[in-house]
Protein backbone atom coordinates (compact mmCIF):
# COMPACT_ATOMS: atom_id res chain seq x y z
CA UNK A 1 0.00 0.00 0.00
CA UNK A 2 1.36 3.38 -1.02
CA UNK A 3 1.96 6.05 1.51
CA UNK A 4 0.32 9.50 1.22
CA UNK A 5 3.65 10.99 0.18
CA UNK A 6 3.97 8.48 -2.62
CA UNK A 7 0.46 9.35 -3.76
CA UNK A 8 1.23 13.08 -3.77
CA UNK A 9 4.65 12.70 -5.41
CA UNK A 10 3.38 12.78 -9.05
CA UNK A 11 1.31 15.84 -8.30
CA UNK A 12 4.25 17.56 -6.64
CA UNK A 13 6.43 16.68 -9.62
CA UNK A 14 3.83 18.13 -11.98
CA UNK A 15 3.54 21.29 -9.91
CA UNK A 16 7.35 21.63 -9.91
CA UNK A 17 7.60 21.24 -13.65
CA UNK A 18 4.75 23.73 -14.12
CA UNK A 19 6.47 26.21 -11.83
CA UNK A 20 9.73 25.87 -13.75
CA UNK A 21 7.94 26.39 -17.07
CA UNK A 22 6.01 29.40 -15.75
CA UNK A 23 9.15 30.93 -14.29
CA UNK A 24 10.98 30.33 -17.53
CA UNK A 25 8.17 31.98 -19.47
CA UNK A 26 8.26 34.90 -17.02
CA UNK A 27 12.00 35.31 -17.45
CA UNK A 28 11.64 35.13 -21.19
CA UNK A 29 8.84 37.72 -21.13
CA UNK A 30 10.85 39.98 -18.86
CA UNK A 31 13.86 39.71 -21.14
CA UNK A 32 11.64 40.57 -24.14
CA UNK A 33 10.17 43.52 -22.29
CA UNK A 34 13.60 44.78 -21.28
CA UNK A 35 14.90 44.39 -24.84
CA UNK A 36 11.84 46.13 -26.30
CA UNK A 37 12.10 48.95 -23.78
CA UNK A 38 15.79 49.39 -24.53
CA UNK A 39 15.17 49.47 -28.28
CA UNK A 40 12.20 51.83 -27.92
CA UNK A 41 14.12 54.14 -25.60
CA UNK A 42 17.07 54.24 -27.99
CA UNK A 43 14.81 55.07 -30.93
CA UNK A 44 13.03 57.71 -28.86
CA UNK A 45 16.34 59.23 -27.79
CA UNK A 46 17.38 59.50 -31.45
CA UNK A 47 14.11 61.23 -32.38
CA UNK A 48 14.36 63.61 -29.41
CA UNK A 49 17.97 64.41 -30.29
CA UNK A 50 16.98 65.18 -33.89
CA UNK A 51 14.09 67.38 -32.74
CA UNK A 52 16.38 69.25 -30.37
CA UNK A 53 18.91 69.76 -33.15
CA UNK A 54 16.22 70.98 -35.53
CA UNK A 55 14.81 73.34 -32.90
CA UNK A 56 18.28 74.66 -32.11
CA UNK A 57 18.91 75.30 -35.82
CA UNK A 58 15.55 77.04 -36.26
CA UNK A 59 16.15 79.13 -33.13
CA UNK A 60 19.60 80.11 -34.38
CA UNK A 61 18.15 80.97 -37.79
CA UNK A 62 15.45 83.15 -36.23
CA UNK A 63 18.04 84.83 -34.02
CA UNK A 64 20.30 85.53 -37.00
CA UNK A 65 17.34 86.84 -39.03
CA UNK A 66 16.27 89.10 -36.17
CA UNK A 67 19.83 90.37 -35.75
CA UNK A 68 20.08 91.02 -39.50
CA UNK A 69 16.73 92.85 -39.54
CA UNK A 70 17.73 94.94 -36.54
CA UNK A 71 21.05 95.78 -38.21
CA UNK A 72 19.30 96.81 -41.44
CA UNK A 73 16.73 98.88 -39.51
CA UNK A 74 19.53 100.58 -37.58
CA UNK A 75 21.42 101.31 -40.78
CA UNK A 76 18.25 102.71 -42.41
CA UNK A 77 17.55 104.86 -39.37
CA UNK A 78 21.10 106.20 -39.35
CA UNK A 79 20.86 106.93 -43.08
CA UNK A 80 17.50 108.71 -42.65
CA UNK A 81 18.84 110.72 -39.73
CA UNK A 82 21.91 111.68 -41.73
CA UNK A 83 19.73 112.71 -44.68
CA UNK A 84 17.43 114.69 -42.38
CA UNK A 85 20.41 116.39 -40.73
CA UNK A 86 21.87 117.20 -44.14
CA UNK A 87 18.61 118.76 -45.37
CA UNK A 88 18.19 120.65 -42.09
CA UNK A 89 21.75 121.93 -42.39
CA UNK A 90 21.13 123.02 -45.98
CA UNK A 91 17.95 124.84 -44.95
CA UNK A 92 19.76 126.52 -42.08
CA UNK A 93 22.54 127.64 -44.43
CA UNK A 94 19.93 128.98 -46.87
CA UNK A 95 18.18 130.91 -44.08
CA UNK A 96 21.49 132.39 -42.96
CA UNK A 97 22.30 133.44 -46.53
CA UNK A 98 18.85 134.98 -47.01
CA UNK A 99 19.13 136.81 -43.69
CA UNK A 100 22.53 138.23 -44.68
CA UNK A 101 21.05 139.34 -48.00
CA UNK A 102 18.11 140.98 -46.19
CA UNK A 103 20.44 142.80 -43.79
CA UNK A 104 22.63 144.00 -46.66
CA UNK A 105 19.69 145.24 -48.72
CA UNK A 106 18.01 146.83 -45.71
CA UNK A 107 21.21 148.77 -45.09
CA UNK A 108 20.99 150.20 -48.62
CA UNK A 109 17.36 151.33 -48.42
CA UNK A 110 18.05 154.75 -46.89
CA UNK A 111 20.66 155.56 -49.51
CA UNK A 112 18.65 154.52 -52.56
CA UNK A 113 15.45 156.29 -51.35
CA UNK A 114 16.88 159.63 -50.27
CA UNK A 115 19.23 160.94 -53.02
CA UNK A 116 19.48 160.61 -56.78
CA UNK A 117 21.20 162.11 -59.86
CA UNK A 118 19.09 163.33 -62.78
CA UNK A 119 21.92 162.26 -65.15
CA UNK A 120 25.37 160.76 -64.81
CA UNK A 121 27.85 163.34 -63.59
CA UNK A 122 25.18 165.58 -62.06
CA UNK A 123 25.15 166.56 -58.41
CA UNK A 124 23.14 164.53 -55.97
CA UNK A 125 19.70 165.88 -55.22
CA UNK A 126 17.01 164.92 -52.73
CA UNK A 127 14.82 162.21 -54.18
CA UNK A 128 11.38 163.56 -55.08
CA UNK A 129 8.61 162.37 -52.84
CA UNK A 130 6.66 159.52 -54.39
CA UNK A 131 3.00 159.25 -53.54
CA UNK A 132 1.67 155.74 -53.00
CA UNK A 133 -2.07 155.78 -52.89
CA UNK A 134 -4.22 153.72 -50.57
CA UNK A 135 -5.22 151.65 -53.58
CA UNK A 136 -1.57 151.02 -54.42
CA UNK A 137 -0.91 149.75 -50.88
CA UNK A 138 -4.09 147.65 -50.94
CA UNK A 139 -3.10 145.94 -54.21
CA UNK A 140 0.46 145.46 -52.96
CA UNK A 141 -0.76 143.80 -49.78
CA UNK A 142 -3.33 141.68 -51.60
CA UNK A 143 -0.63 140.39 -53.93
CA UNK A 144 1.30 139.25 -50.84
CA UNK A 145 -1.72 137.55 -49.30
CA UNK A 146 -2.58 140.38 -46.92
CA UNK A 147 -6.14 141.63 -47.31
CA UNK A 148 -6.84 145.03 -45.79
CA UNK A 149 -9.92 147.20 -45.97
CA UNK A 150 -9.99 150.77 -47.24
CA UNK A 151 -9.05 153.08 -44.29
CA UNK A 152 -12.23 155.17 -44.53
CA UNK A 153 -15.71 154.05 -45.68
CA UNK A 154 -16.24 157.36 -47.50
CA UNK A 155 -13.79 159.83 -49.04
CA UNK A 156 -14.05 163.63 -48.82
CA UNK A 157 -16.49 163.69 -51.75
CA UNK A 158 -18.79 161.25 -50.01
CA UNK A 159 -18.24 158.40 -52.49
CA UNK A 160 -18.54 155.12 -50.67
CA UNK A 161 -16.03 152.29 -51.10
CA UNK A 162 -17.27 149.16 -52.83
CA UNK A 163 -17.38 145.69 -51.29
CA UNK A 164 -14.06 144.82 -52.94
CA UNK A 165 -12.36 147.67 -51.09
CA UNK A 166 -12.09 150.01 -54.06
CA UNK A 167 -13.60 153.46 -54.36
CA UNK A 168 -12.62 157.11 -54.20
CA UNK A 169 -10.58 156.36 -51.05
CA UNK A 170 -8.21 154.32 -53.22
CA UNK A 171 -6.89 157.59 -54.67
CA UNK A 172 -5.92 159.06 -51.28
CA UNK A 173 -2.27 159.31 -50.20
CA UNK A 174 -1.51 156.26 -48.05
CA UNK A 175 1.37 157.97 -46.26
CA UNK A 176 3.62 155.05 -47.15
CA UNK A 177 7.01 156.10 -48.52
CA UNK A 178 9.50 154.54 -50.90
CA UNK A 179 11.68 153.27 -48.05
CA UNK A 180 8.76 151.40 -46.48
CA UNK A 181 7.77 149.83 -49.79
CA UNK A 182 11.33 148.70 -50.43
CA UNK A 183 11.78 147.38 -46.88
CA UNK A 184 8.59 145.38 -47.25
CA UNK A 185 9.77 143.91 -50.54
CA UNK A 186 13.14 142.94 -49.07
CA UNK A 187 11.47 141.21 -46.13
CA UNK A 188 8.95 139.43 -48.38
CA UNK A 189 11.80 138.22 -50.59
CA UNK A 190 13.50 136.62 -47.58
CA UNK A 191 10.30 134.85 -46.50
CA UNK A 192 9.60 133.66 -50.04
CA UNK A 193 13.18 132.40 -50.32
CA UNK A 194 12.76 130.35 -47.11
CA UNK A 195 9.50 128.88 -48.43
CA UNK A 196 11.19 127.91 -51.70
CA UNK A 197 14.07 126.26 -49.83
CA UNK A 198 11.67 124.30 -47.60
CA UNK A 199 9.65 123.19 -50.60
CA UNK A 200 12.78 122.09 -52.47
CA UNK A 201 13.95 120.10 -49.44
CA UNK A 202 10.53 118.45 -49.16
CA UNK A 203 10.64 117.54 -52.86
CA UNK A 204 14.16 116.11 -52.49
CA UNK A 205 13.08 114.09 -49.43
CA UNK A 206 10.00 112.72 -51.24
CA UNK A 207 11.97 111.77 -54.34
CA UNK A 208 14.61 110.00 -52.26
CA UNK A 209 11.94 108.11 -50.33
CA UNK A 210 10.33 106.87 -53.56
CA UNK A 211 13.65 105.54 -54.93
């Protein structure tokens, strides 16, 4: 008669073999997992390294492009400032020249409006008084953009001035002398010269900007 141990021995042997097989399968699965993880991690590391390299290159490219754009903008700004300074200097020189011309001509007004010679070689004589009527002064001012009304609404004869400022009062003596007329012309010439210089500079600036 077999003992209980002898009866259980085949079952124990079967359980042992099963355990060995299961453990072997587990080890094999673990080795496969470890190998797959290692391969996957290596492939992932390669992809990440490539992405990092690509990002670094793109970042460097953007940085270089930004630096180049900033350099070009700075150069353009410096060029524009230099051009503006040059035009401003030219305008300043023109104003100085016009002012010197005005001062020179103003200094000659008294001489050319006080004495004259009837003919070459004759003695100097006082310059005859020139009468500039109110109408003359009005037209002169209007031509220079200054619009003034007739001094009196009615002249001595009672003739009223028209809406345009003309009338009998236009024939009255304005009291303005030759020296005043000439001084006004000299001053207007300086102002007109400055306007021309400013306009020329503006045209030059616009033409340069369009090129």
